[in-house]
Amino acid sequence: MNFDENTRCNFGSKSVIAHFISNNYMTCISPFSDVVEKPIPFSVSLNKQQNSRDKIDFWYYNWPEVVELVPNYGPDSGGNKVLLKGNNFNPFVAEDINNLNDTFCEFEGIGKVPV
């Protein structure tokens, strides 16, 4: 089978080229969406005509926004508890999605820590 530009990932009404990896894996890059915090139907197509029939949703969310760190300093040995103030830290609070185990603070050049 020829996996080319006809191999697609569909996010609602938007379609992007999928990249074949193996019989069990494909990758694609999600397109921009104005629709956030509600499910978008997801499907794949190998021929740009027929789509998969599985009921799978993709969820978009607004980027988290940090507006203040308290305190915004600490010793180089680490271990400080830092309070983040901002918006969109848990976009799926009203839905049955728990992304809290996927949420991290990243200190550039130092690493990530779970929130």
PDB file of N, CA and C in Angstrom:
ATOM      1  N   MET A   1       0.842  -1.176   0.000  1.00  0.00           N
ATOM      2  CA  MET A   1       0.000   0.000   0.000  1.00  0.00           C
ATOM      3  C   MET A   1       0.891   1.244   0.000  1.00  0.00           C
ATOM      4  N   ASN A   2       0.471   2.256  -0.700  1.00  0.00           N
ATOM      5  CA  ASN A   2       1.239   3.494  -0.820  1.00  0.00           C
ATOM      6  C   ASN A   2       0.755   4.501   0.225  1.00  0.00           C
ATOM      7  N   PHE A   3       1.571   4.745   1.256  1.00  0.00           N
ATOM      8  CA  PHE A   3       1.219   5.714   2.286  1.00  0.00           C
ATOM      9  C   PHE A   3       1.775   7.069   1.869  1.00  0.00           C
ATOM     10  N   ASP A   4       0.899   7.928   1.380  1.00  0.00           N
ATOM     11  CA  ASP A   4       1.317   9.229   0.872  1.00  0.00           C
ATOM     12  C   ASP A   4       0.406  10.305   1.440  1.00  0.00           C
ATOM     13  N   GLU A   5       0.193  11.387   0.713  1.00  0.00           N
ATOM     14  CA  GLU A   5      -0.648  12.485   1.210  1.00  0.00           C
ATOM     15  C   GLU A   5      -2.111  12.090   1.369  1.00  0.00           C
ATOM     16  N   ASN A   6      -2.491  10.912   0.858  1.00  0.00           N
ATOM     17  CA  ASN A   6      -3.863  10.437   1.050  1.00  0.00           C
ATOM     18  C   ASN A   6      -4.064   9.772   2.409  1.00  0.00           C
ATOM     19  N   THR A   7      -2.993   9.481   3.123  1.00  0.00           N
ATOM     20  CA  THR A   7      -3.087   8.941   4.476  1.00  0.00           C
ATOM     21  C   THR A   7      -3.277  10.128   5.410  1.00  0.00           C
ATOM     22  N   ARG A   8      -4.443  10.193   6.053  1.00  0.00           N
ATOM     23  CA  ARG A   8      -4.831  11.414   6.770  1.00  0.00           C
ATOM     24  C   ARG A   8      -5.279  11.141   8.201  1.00  0.00           C
ATOM     25  N   CYS A   9      -5.109  12.141   9.047  1.00  0.00           N
ATOM     26  CA  CYS A   9      -5.734  12.221  10.364  1.00  0.00           C
ATOM     27  C   CYS A   9      -6.783  13.315  10.273  1.00  0.00           C
ATOM     28  N   ASN A  10      -7.962  13.027  10.752  1.00  0.00           N
ATOM     29  CA  ASN A  10      -9.067  13.984  10.690  1.00  0.00           C
ATOM     30  C   ASN A  10      -9.451  14.409  12.102  1.00  0.00           C
ATOM     31  N   PHE A  11      -9.403  15.698  12.339  1.00  0.00           N
ATOM     32  CA  PHE A  11      -9.791  16.303  13.612  1.00  0.00           C
ATOM     33  C   PHE A  11     -11.071  17.084  13.326  1.00  0.00           C
ATOM     34  N   GLY A  12     -12.226  16.463  13.540  1.00  0.00           N
ATOM     35  CA  GLY A  12     -13.478  17.092  13.143  1.00  0.00           C
ATOM     36  C   GLY A  12     -13.476  17.260  11.639  1.00  0.00           C
ATOM     37  N   SER A  13     -13.674  18.481  11.154  1.00  0.00           N
ATOM     38  CA  SER A  13     -13.714  18.746   9.712  1.00  0.00           C
ATOM     39  C   SER A  13     -12.338  19.075   9.128  1.00  0.00           C
ATOM     40  N   LYS A  14     -11.303  19.134   9.975  1.00  0.00           N
ATOM     41  CA  LYS A  14      -9.960  19.455   9.484  1.00  0.00           C
ATOM     42  C   LYS A  14      -9.152  18.173   9.288  1.00  0.00           C
ATOM     43  N   SER A  15      -8.371  18.154   8.223  1.00  0.00           N
ATOM     44  CA  SER A  15      -7.607  16.964   7.862  1.00  0.00           C
ATOM     45  C   SER A  15      -6.136  17.337   7.666  1.00  0.00           C
ATOM     46  N   VAL A  16      -5.244  16.479   8.162  1.00  0.00           N
ATOM     47  CA  VAL A  16      -3.802  16.687   8.007  1.00  0.00           C
ATOM     48  C   VAL A  16      -3.157  15.385   7.544  1.00  0.00           C
ATOM     49  N   ILE A  17      -2.009  15.495   6.925  1.00  0.00           N
ATOM     50  CA  ILE A  17      -1.285  14.318   6.460  1.00  0.00           C
ATOM     51  C   ILE A  17      -0.794  13.511   7.665  1.00  0.00           C
ATOM     52  N   ALA A  18      -0.985  12.199   7.594  1.00  0.00           N
ATOM     53  CA  ALA A  18      -0.467  11.284   8.612  1.00  0.00           C
ATOM     54  C   ALA A  18       0.812  10.652   8.097  1.00  0.00           C
ATOM     55  N   HIS A  19       1.703  10.327   8.993  1.00  0.00           N
ATOM     56  CA  HIS A  19       2.970   9.703   8.627  1.00  0.00           C
ATOM     57  C   HIS A  19       2.985   8.274   9.147  1.00  0.00           C
ATOM     58  N   PHE A  20       3.080   7.327   8.233  1.00  0.00           N
ATOM     59  CA  PHE A  20       3.095   5.910   8.568  1.00  0.00           C
ATOM     60  C   PHE A  20       4.409   5.562   9.259  1.00  0.00           C
ATOM     61  N   ILE A  21       4.319   4.902  10.411  1.00  0.00           N
ATOM     62  CA  ILE A  21       5.503   4.457  11.143  1.00  0.00           C
ATOM     63  C   ILE A  21       5.632   2.936  11.027  1.00  0.00           C
ATOM     64  N   SER A  22       4.556   2.223  11.363  1.00  0.00           N
ATOM     65  CA  SER A  22       4.536   0.758  11.296  1.00  0.00           C
ATOM     66  C   SER A  22       3.081   0.315  11.202  1.00  0.00           C
ATOM     67  N   ASN A  23       2.853  -0.999  11.219  1.00  0.00           N
ATOM     68  CA  ASN A  23       1.478  -1.502  11.164  1.00  0.00           C
ATOM     69  C   ASN A  23       0.644  -1.058  12.359  1.00  0.00           C
ATOM     70  N   ASN A  24       1.304  -0.648  13.438  1.00  0.00           N
ATOM     71  CA  ASN A  24       0.593  -0.257  14.655  1.00  0.00           C
ATOM     72  C   ASN A  24       0.696   1.223  14.997  1.00  0.00           C
ATOM     73  N   TYR A  25       1.481   1.994  14.248  1.00  0.00           N
ATOM     74  CA  TYR A  25       1.694   3.397  14.610  1.00  0.00           C
ATOM     75  C   TYR A  25       1.691   4.318  13.393  1.00  0.00           C
ATOM     76  N   MET A  26       1.054   5.470  13.581  1.00  0.00           N
ATOM     77  CA  MET A  26       1.112   6.585  12.636  1.00  0.00           C
ATOM     78  C   MET A  26       1.260   7.838  13.486  1.00  0.00           C
ATOM     79  N   THR A  27       1.784   8.905  12.905  1.00  0.00           N
ATOM     80  CA  THR A  27       1.832  10.181  13.611  1.00  0.00           C
ATOM     81  C   THR A  27       1.206  11.250  12.737  1.00  0.00           C
ATOM     82  N   CYS A  28       0.704  12.276  13.383  1.00  0.00           N
ATOM     83  CA  CYS A  28       0.200  13.444  12.668  1.00  0.00           C
ATOM     84  C   CYS A  28       0.255  14.628  13.627  1.00  0.00           C
ATOM     85  N   ILE A  29       0.236  15.803  13.079  1.00  0.00           N
ATOM     86  CA  ILE A  29       0.277  17.029  13.885  1.00  0.00           C
ATOM     87  C   ILE A  29      -1.113  17.653  13.856  1.00  0.00           C
ATOM     88  N   SER A  30      -1.678  17.860  15.038  1.00  0.00           N
ATOM     89  CA  SER A  30      -3.027  18.405  15.108  1.00  0.00           C
ATOM     90  C   SER A  30      -3.057  19.830  14.563  1.00  0.00           C
ATOM     91  N   PRO A  31      -4.105  20.160  13.796  1.00  0.00           N
ATOM     92  CA  PRO A  31      -4.231  21.524  13.267  1.00  0.00           C
ATOM     93  C   PRO A  31      -4.774  22.472  14.339  1.00  0.00           C
ATOM     94  N   PHE A  32      -4.695  23.754  14.064  1.00  0.00           N
ATOM     95  CA  PHE A  32      -5.269  24.779  14.936  1.00  0.00           C
ATOM     96  C   PHE A  32      -6.771  24.564  15.073  1.00  0.00           C
ATOM     97  N   SER A  33      -7.322  24.896  16.222  1.00  0.00           N
ATOM     98  CA  SER A  33      -8.765  24.816  16.425  1.00  0.00           C
ATOM     99  C   SER A  33      -9.241  25.976  17.284  1.00  0.00           C
ATOM    100  N   ASP A  34     -10.387  26.546  16.923  1.00  0.00           N
ATOM    101  CA  ASP A  34     -11.052  27.548  17.755  1.00  0.00           C
ATOM    102  C   ASP A  34     -11.900  26.881  18.824  1.00  0.00           C
ATOM    103  N   VAL A  35     -12.159  25.592  18.665  1.00  0.00           N
ATOM    104  CA  VAL A  35     -13.006  24.849  19.593  1.00  0.00           C
ATOM    105  C   VAL A  35     -12.118  24.265  20.686  1.00  0.00           C
ATOM    106  N   VAL A  36     -12.399  24.641  21.940  1.00  0.00           N
ATOM    107  CA  VAL A  36     -11.611  24.129  23.054  1.00  0.00           C
ATOM    108  C   VAL A  36     -12.517  23.564  24.137  1.00  0.00           C
ATOM    109  N   GLU A  37     -11.946  22.651  24.912  1.00  0.00           N
ATOM    110  CA  GLU A  37     -12.594  22.057  26.066  1.00  0.00           C
ATOM    111  C   GLU A  37     -13.907  21.355  25.731  1.00  0.00           C
ATOM    112  N   LYS A  38     -13.977  20.787  24.532  1.00  0.00           N
ATOM    113  CA  LYS A  38     -15.075  19.896  24.173  1.00  0.00           C
ATOM    114  C   LYS A  38     -14.529  18.897  23.163  1.00  0.00           C
ATOM    115  N   PRO A  39     -15.110  17.716  23.080  1.00  0.00           N
ATOM    116  CA  PRO A  39     -14.543  16.678  22.223  1.00  0.00           C
ATOM    117  C   PRO A  39     -14.716  16.974  20.735  1.00  0.00           C
ATOM    118  N   ILE A  40     -13.668  16.644  19.985  1.00  0.00           N
ATOM    119  CA  ILE A  40     -13.686  16.742  18.521  1.00  0.00           C
ATOM    120  C   ILE A  40     -13.556  15.315  17.999  1.00  0.00           C
ATOM    121  N   PRO A  41     -14.434  14.864  17.106  1.00  0.00           N
ATOM    122  CA  PRO A  41     -14.298  13.499  16.587  1.00  0.00           C
ATOM    123  C   PRO A  41     -12.987  13.335  15.822  1.00  0.00           C
ATOM    124  N   PHE A  42     -12.299  12.228  16.085  1.00  0.00           N
ATOM    125  CA  PHE A  42     -11.033  11.925  15.428  1.00  0.00           C
ATOM    126  C   PHE A  42     -11.187  10.659  14.592  1.00  0.00           C
ATOM    127  N   SER A  43     -10.613  10.671  13.389  1.00  0.00           N
ATOM    128  CA  SER A  43     -10.597   9.474  12.540  1.00  0.00           C
ATOM    129  C   SER A  43      -9.355   9.490  11.672  1.00  0.00           C
ATOM    130  N   VAL A  44      -9.060   8.356  11.061  1.00  0.00           N
ATOM    131  CA  VAL A  44      -7.953   8.260  10.111  1.00  0.00           C
ATOM    132  C   VAL A  44      -8.488   7.734   8.788  1.00  0.00           C
ATOM    133  N   SER A  45      -7.758   8.059   7.738  1.00  0.00           N
ATOM    134  CA  SER A  45      -8.105   7.584   6.399  1.00  0.00           C
ATOM    135  C   SER A  45      -6.821   7.172   5.695  1.00  0.00           C
ATOM    136  N   LEU A  46      -6.866   6.041   5.022  1.00  0.00           N
ATOM    137  CA  LEU A  46      -5.709   5.585   4.255  1.00  0.00           C
ATOM    138  C   LEU A  46      -5.789   6.016   2.803  1.00  0.00           C
ATOM    139  N   ASN A  47      -6.989   6.489   2.371  1.00  0.00           N
ATOM    140  CA  ASN A  47      -7.175   6.832   0.956  1.00  0.00           C
ATOM    141  C   ASN A  47      -7.865   8.171   0.736  1.00  0.00           C
ATOM    142  N   LYS A  48      -8.003   8.978   1.783  1.00  0.00           N
ATOM    143  CA  LYS A  48      -8.636  10.295   1.721  1.00  0.00           C
ATOM    144  C   LYS A  48     -10.118  10.216   1.357  1.00  0.00           C
ATOM    145  N   GLN A  49     -10.700   9.025   1.501  1.00  0.00           N
ATOM    146  CA  GLN A  49     -12.116   8.850   1.177  1.00  0.00           C
ATOM    147  C   GLN A  49     -12.870   8.160   2.312  1.00  0.00           C
ATOM    148  N   GLN A  50     -12.475   6.931   2.640  1.00  0.00           N
ATOM    149  CA  GLN A  50     -13.125   6.223   3.744  1.00  0.00           C
ATOM    150  C   GLN A  50     -12.355   6.492   5.029  1.00  0.00           C
ATOM    151  N   ASN A  51     -13.125   6.698   6.112  1.00  0.00           N
ATOM    152  CA  ASN A  51     -12.527   7.007   7.408  1.00  0.00           C
ATOM    153  C   ASN A  51     -12.778   5.878   8.397  1.00  0.00           C
ATOM    154  N   SER A  52     -11.910   5.787   9.390  1.00  0.00           N
ATOM    155  CA  SER A  52     -12.116   4.812  10.456  1.00  0.00           C
ATOM    156  C   SER A  52     -13.452   5.104  11.138  1.00  0.00           C
ATOM    157  N   ARG A  53     -14.028   4.079  11.745  1.00  0.00           N
ATOM    158  CA  ARG A  53     -15.352   4.223  12.359  1.00  0.00           C
ATOM    159  C   ARG A  53     -15.311   4.212  13.874  1.00  0.00           C
ATOM    160  N   ASP A  54     -14.121   4.078  14.442  1.00  0.00           N
ATOM    161  CA  ASP A  54     -13.988   4.036  15.894  1.00  0.00           C
ATOM    162  C   ASP A  54     -14.404   5.364  16.509  1.00  0.00           C
ATOM    163  N   LYS A  55     -15.055   5.300  17.656  1.00  0.00           N
ATOM    164  CA  LYS A  55     -15.483   6.511  18.367  1.00  0.00           C
ATOM    165  C   LYS A  55     -14.340   6.971  19.262  1.00  0.00           C
ATOM    166  N   ILE A  56     -13.516   7.875  18.717  1.00  0.00           N
ATOM    167  CA  ILE A  56     -12.386   8.417  19.460  1.00  0.00           C
ATOM    168  C   ILE A  56     -12.464   9.937  19.392  1.00  0.00           C
ATOM    169  N   ASP A  57     -12.323  10.575  20.548  1.00  0.00           N
ATOM    170  CA  ASP A  57     -12.371  12.032  20.602  1.00  0.00           C
ATOM    171  C   ASP A  57     -10.983  12.597  20.843  1.00  0.00           C
ATOM    172  N   PHE A  58     -10.749  13.783  20.306  1.00  0.00           N
ATOM    173  CA  PHE A  58      -9.539  14.552  20.572  1.00  0.00           C
ATOM    174  C   PHE A  58      -9.991  15.823  21.264  1.00  0.00           C
ATOM    175  N   TRP A  59      -9.253  16.221  22.283  1.00  0.00           N
ATOM    176  CA  TRP A  59      -9.616  17.405  23.056  1.00  0.00           C
ATOM    177  C   TRP A  59      -8.555  18.479  22.883  1.00  0.00           C
ATOM    178  N   TYR A  60      -8.965  19.670  22.516  1.00  0.00           N
ATOM    179  CA  TYR A  60      -8.085  20.838  22.512  1.00  0.00           C
ATOM    180  C   TYR A  60      -8.278  21.582  23.828  1.00  0.00           C
ATOM    181  N   TYR A  61      -7.271  22.288  24.252  1.00  0.00           N
ATOM    182  CA  TYR A  61      -7.392  23.106  25.469  1.00  0.00           C
ATOM    183  C   TYR A  61      -6.606  24.396  25.280  1.00  0.00           C
ATOM    184  N   ASN A  62      -6.963  25.407  26.062  1.00  0.00           N
ATOM    185  CA  ASN A  62      -6.222  26.668  26.050  1.00  0.00           C
ATOM    186  C   ASN A  62      -4.890  26.473  26.763  1.00  0.00           C
ATOM    187  N   TRP A  63      -3.851  27.157  26.271  1.00  0.00           N
ATOM    188  CA  TRP A  63      -2.537  27.078  26.904  1.00  0.00           C
ATOM    189  C   TRP A  63      -2.622  27.585  28.326  1.00  0.00           C
ATOM    190  N   PRO A  64      -1.928  26.931  29.257  1.00  0.00           N
ATOM    191  CA  PRO A  64      -1.868  27.483  30.601  1.00  0.00           C
ATOM    192  C   PRO A  64      -1.114  28.814  30.596  1.00  0.00           C
ATOM    193  N   GLU A  65      -1.488  29.677  31.496  1.00  0.00           N
ATOM    194  CA  GLU A  65      -0.874  31.001  31.580  1.00  0.00           C
ATOM    195  C   GLU A  65      -0.425  31.243  33.018  1.00  0.00           C
ATOM    196  N   VAL A  66       0.856  31.477  33.208  1.00  0.00           N
ATOM    197  CA  VAL A  66       1.393  31.808  34.527  1.00  0.00           C
ATOM    198  C   VAL A  66       1.531  33.320  34.596  1.00  0.00           C
ATOM    199  N   VAL A  67       0.927  33.913  35.630  1.00  0.00           N
ATOM    200  CA  VAL A  67       1.003  35.367  35.779  1.00  0.00           C
ATOM    201  C   VAL A  67       1.858  35.785  36.983  1.00  0.00           C
ATOM    202  N   GLU A  68       2.099  34.834  37.913  1.00  0.00           N
ATOM    203  CA  GLU A  68       2.917  35.185  39.069  1.00  0.00           C
ATOM    204  C   GLU A  68       3.461  33.918  39.725  1.00  0.00           C
ATOM    205  N   LEU A  69       4.695  33.998  40.221  1.00  0.00           N
ATOM    206  CA  LEU A  69       5.307  32.952  41.036  1.00  0.00           C
ATOM    207  C   LEU A  69       5.536  33.515  42.427  1.00  0.00           C
ATOM    208  N   VAL A  70       5.155  32.753  43.458  1.00  0.00           N
ATOM    209  CA  VAL A  70       5.346  33.209  44.838  1.00  0.00           C
ATOM    210  C   VAL A  70       6.012  32.089  45.627  1.00  0.00           C
ATOM    211  N   PRO A  71       7.233  32.235  46.108  1.00  0.00           N
ATOM    212  CA  PRO A  71       8.159  33.318  45.782  1.00  0.00           C
ATOM    213  C   PRO A  71       8.759  33.102  44.392  1.00  0.00           C
ATOM    214  N   ASN A  72       9.356  34.134  43.843  1.00  0.00           N
ATOM    215  CA  ASN A  72       9.973  34.021  42.520  1.00  0.00           C
ATOM    216  C   ASN A  72      11.493  33.919  42.640  1.00  0.00           C
ATOM    217  N   TYR A  73      11.956  33.339  43.731  1.00  0.00           N
ATOM    218  CA  TYR A  73      13.379  33.137  43.956  1.00  0.00           C
ATOM    219  C   TYR A  73      13.547  31.933  44.887  1.00  0.00           C
ATOM    220  N   GLY A  74      14.765  31.406  44.963  1.00  0.00           N
ATOM    221  CA  GLY A  74      15.037  30.295  45.864  1.00  0.00           C
ATOM    222  C   GLY A  74      16.489  29.884  45.797  1.00  0.00           C
ATOM    223  N   PRO A  75      16.931  29.088  46.776  1.00  0.00           N
ATOM    224  CA  PRO A  75      18.328  28.672  46.811  1.00  0.00           C
ATOM    225  C   PRO A  75      18.666  27.708  45.680  1.00  0.00           C
ATOM    226  N   ASP A  76      19.934  27.662  45.303  1.00  0.00           N
ATOM    227  CA  ASP A  76      20.349  26.781  44.213  1.00  0.00           C
ATOM    228  C   ASP A  76      20.270  25.303  44.594  1.00  0.00           C
ATOM    229  N   SER A  77      20.078  24.994  45.857  1.00  0.00           N
ATOM    230  CA  SER A  77      19.929  23.600  46.276  1.00  0.00           C
ATOM    231  C   SER A  77      18.529  23.075  45.987  1.00  0.00           C
ATOM    232  N   GLY A  78      17.599  23.975  45.618  1.00  0.00           N
ATOM    233  CA  GLY A  78      16.234  23.565  45.296  1.00  0.00           C
ATOM    234  C   GLY A  78      15.423  23.254  46.535  1.00  0.00           C
ATOM    235  N   GLY A  79      14.309  22.588  46.356  1.00  0.00           N
ATOM    236  CA  GLY A  79      13.465  22.190  47.468  1.00  0.00           C
ATOM    237  C   GLY A  79      12.422  23.213  47.866  1.00  0.00           C
ATOM    238  N   ASN A  80      12.414  24.381  47.215  1.00  0.00           N
ATOM    239  CA  ASN A  80      11.405  25.402  47.529  1.00  0.00           C
ATOM    240  C   ASN A  80      10.055  25.007  46.966  1.00  0.00           C
ATOM    241  N   LYS A  81       9.011  25.257  47.742  1.00  0.00           N
ATOM    242  CA  LYS A  81       7.655  25.135  47.218  1.00  0.00           C
ATOM    243  C   LYS A  81       7.323  26.467  46.562  1.00  0.00           C
ATOM    244  N   VAL A  82       6.868  26.437  45.312  1.00  0.00           N
ATOM    245  CA  VAL A  82       6.546  27.646  44.554  1.00  0.00           C
ATOM    246  C   VAL A  82       5.064  27.613  44.215  1.00  0.00           C
ATOM    247  N   LEU A  83       4.350  28.681  44.534  1.00  0.00           N
ATOM    248  CA  LEU A  83       2.941  28.815  44.196  1.00  0.00           C
ATOM    249  C   LEU A  83       2.832  29.494  42.845  1.00  0.00           C
ATOM    250  N   LEU A  84       2.127  28.861  41.915  1.00  0.00           N
ATOM    251  CA  LEU A  84       1.896  29.454  40.599  1.00  0.00           C
ATOM    252  C   LEU A  84       0.497  30.041  40.570  1.00  0.00           C
ATOM    253  N   LYS A  85       0.387  31.275  40.139  1.00  0.00           N
ATOM    254  CA  LYS A  85      -0.913  31.906  39.951  1.00  0.00           C
ATOM    255  C   LYS A  85      -1.103  32.119  38.459  1.00  0.00           C
ATOM    256  N   GLY A  86      -2.298  31.799  37.961  1.00  0.00           N
ATOM    257  CA  GLY A  86      -2.542  31.966  36.542  1.00  0.00           C
ATOM    258  C   GLY A  86      -3.880  31.394  36.120  1.00  0.00           C
ATOM    259  N   ASN A  87      -3.945  30.955  34.874  1.00  0.00           N
ATOM    260  CA  ASN A  87      -5.193  30.486  34.271  1.00  0.00           C
ATOM    261  C   ASN A  87      -4.969  29.197  33.484  1.00  0.00           C
ATOM    262  N   ASN A  88      -6.037  28.440  33.321  1.00  0.00           N
ATOM    263  CA  ASN A  88      -6.081  27.240  32.473  1.00  0.00           C
ATOM    264  C   ASN A  88      -5.148  26.134  32.939  1.00  0.00           C
ATOM    265  N   PHE A  89      -4.967  25.991  34.254  1.00  0.00           N
ATOM    266  CA  PHE A  89      -4.110  24.928  34.770  1.00  0.00           C
ATOM    267  C   PHE A  89      -4.803  23.564  34.721  1.00  0.00           C
ATOM    268  N   ASN A  90      -6.109  23.532  34.823  1.00  0.00           N
ATOM    269  CA  ASN A  90      -6.860  22.274  34.762  1.00  0.00           C
ATOM    270  C   ASN A  90      -8.066  22.479  33.845  1.00  0.00           C
ATOM    271  N   PRO A  91      -7.846  22.464  32.525  1.00  0.00           N
ATOM    272  CA  PRO A  91      -8.920  22.827  31.599  1.00  0.00           C
ATOM    273  C   PRO A  91     -10.071  21.838  31.556  1.00  0.00           C
ATOM    274  N   PHE A  92      -9.885  20.628  32.048  1.00  0.00           N
ATOM    275  CA  PHE A  92     -10.931  19.611  31.933  1.00  0.00           C
ATOM    276  C   PHE A  92     -11.629  19.338  33.253  1.00  0.00           C
ATOM    277  N   VAL A  93     -11.638  20.307  34.154  1.00  0.00           N
ATOM    278  CA  VAL A  93     -12.209  20.107  35.478  1.00  0.00           C
ATOM    279  C   VAL A  93     -13.672  19.660  35.409  1.00  0.00           C
ATOM    280  N   ALA A  94     -14.436  20.107  34.419  1.00  0.00           N
ATOM    281  CA  ALA A  94     -15.849  19.739  34.317  1.00  0.00           C
ATOM    282  C   ALA A  94     -16.053  18.460  33.510  1.00  0.00           C
ATOM    283  N   GLU A  95     -14.997  17.917  32.940  1.00  0.00           N
ATOM    284  CA  GLU A  95     -15.099  16.720  32.102  1.00  0.00           C
ATOM    285  C   GLU A  95     -14.534  15.514  32.846  1.00  0.00           C
ATOM    286  N   ASP A  96     -14.674  14.361  32.241  1.00  0.00           N
ATOM    287  CA  ASP A  96     -14.173  13.129  32.835  1.00  0.00           C
ATOM    288  C   ASP A  96     -12.750  12.841  32.352  1.00  0.00           C
ATOM    289  N   ILE A  97     -11.911  13.874  32.344  1.00  0.00           N
ATOM    290  CA  ILE A  97     -10.520  13.735  31.929  1.00  0.00           C
ATOM    291  C   ILE A  97      -9.653  14.231  33.081  1.00  0.00           C
ATOM    292  N   ASN A  98      -8.674  13.434  33.450  1.00  0.00           N
ATOM    293  CA  ASN A  98      -7.769  13.829  34.518  1.00  0.00           C
ATOM    294  C   ASN A  98      -6.368  13.936  33.938  1.00  0.00           C
ATOM    295  N   ASN A  99      -5.907  15.153  33.730  1.00  0.00           N
ATOM    296  CA  ASN A  99      -4.565  15.354  33.185  1.00  0.00           C
ATOM    297  C   ASN A  99      -3.574  15.810  34.260  1.00  0.00           C
ATOM    298  N   LEU A 100      -3.936  15.647  35.522  1.00  0.00           N
ATOM    299  CA  LEU A 100      -3.065  16.133  36.586  1.00  0.00           C
ATOM    300  C   LEU A 100      -1.734  15.384  36.627  1.00  0.00           C
ATOM    301  N   ASN A 101      -1.705  14.108  36.241  1.00  0.00           N
ATOM    302  CA  ASN A 101      -0.436  13.372  36.208  1.00  0.00           C
ATOM    303  C   ASN A 101       0.427  13.774  35.021  1.00  0.00           C
ATOM    304  N   ASP A 102      -0.118  14.578  34.107  1.00  0.00           N
ATOM    305  CA  ASP A 102       0.623  15.045  32.935  1.00  0.00           C
ATOM    306  C   ASP A 102       1.040  16.510  33.079  1.00  0.00           C
ATOM    307  N   THR A 103       0.920  17.067  34.272  1.00  0.00           N
ATOM    308  CA  THR A 103       1.182  18.477  34.487  1.00  0.00           C
ATOM    309  C   THR A 103       2.494  18.649  35.256  1.00  0.00           C
ATOM    310  N   PHE A 104       3.388  19.481  34.693  1.00  0.00           N
ATOM    311  CA  PHE A 104       4.718  19.662  35.261  1.00  0.00           C
ATOM    312  C   PHE A 104       5.090  21.133  35.279  1.00  0.00           C
ATOM    313  N   CYS A 105       6.003  21.490  36.160  1.00  0.00           N
ATOM    314  CA  CYS A 105       6.693  22.771  36.103  1.00  0.00           C
ATOM    315  C   CYS A 105       8.067  22.467  35.523  1.00  0.00           C
ATOM    316  N   GLU A 106       8.483  23.277  34.589  1.00  0.00           N
ATOM    317  CA  GLU A 106       9.812  23.080  34.010  1.00  0.00           C
ATOM    318  C   GLU A 106      10.664  24.299  34.292  1.00  0.00           C
ATOM    319  N   PHE A 107      11.807  24.040  34.877  1.00  0.00           N
ATOM    320  CA  PHE A 107      12.787  25.086  35.135  1.00  0.00           C
ATOM    321  C   PHE A 107      13.855  24.924  34.071  1.00  0.00           C
ATOM    322  N   GLU A 108      13.868  25.828  33.111  1.00  0.00           N
ATOM    323  CA  GLU A 108      14.734  25.686  31.937  1.00  0.00           C
ATOM    324  C   GLU A 108      16.182  25.438  32.317  1.00  0.00           C
ATOM    325  N   GLY A 109      16.732  24.418  31.688  1.00  0.00           N
ATOM    326  CA  GLY A 109      18.119  24.052  31.950  1.00  0.00           C
ATOM    327  C   GLY A 109      18.298  23.197  33.196  1.00  0.00           C
ATOM    328  N   ILE A 110      17.259  23.071  33.991  1.00  0.00           N
ATOM    329  CA  ILE A 110      17.359  22.290  35.237  1.00  0.00           C
ATOM    330  C   ILE A 110      16.518  21.021  35.158  1.00  0.00           C
ATOM    331  N   GLY A 111      15.293  21.118  34.652  1.00  0.00           N
ATOM    332  CA  GLY A 111      14.455  19.942  34.516  1.00  0.00           C
ATOM    333  C   GLY A 111      13.015  20.192  34.890  1.00  0.00           C
ATOM    334  N   LYS A 112      12.215  19.112  34.807  1.00  0.00           N
ATOM    335  CA  LYS A 112      10.792  19.153  35.105  1.00  0.00           C
ATOM    336  C   LYS A 112      10.525  18.517  36.452  1.00  0.00           C
ATOM    337  N   VAL A 113       9.490  19.008  37.129  1.00  0.00           N
ATOM    338  CA  VAL A 113       9.012  18.393  38.352  1.00  0.00           C
ATOM    339  C   VAL A 113       7.483  18.317  38.277  1.00  0.00           C
ATOM    340  N   PRO A 114       6.892  17.244  38.812  1.00  0.00           N
ATOM    341  CA  PRO A 114       5.424  17.142  38.808  1.00  0.00           C
ATOM    342  C   PRO A 114       4.794  18.266  39.617  1.00  0.00           C
ATOM    343  N   VAL A 115       3.606  18.672  39.211  1.00  0.00           N
ATOM    344  CA  VAL A 115       2.861  19.693  39.951  1.00  0.00           C
ATOM    345  C   VAL A 115       2.133  19.037  41.093  1.00  0.00           C
TER     346      VAL A 115
END
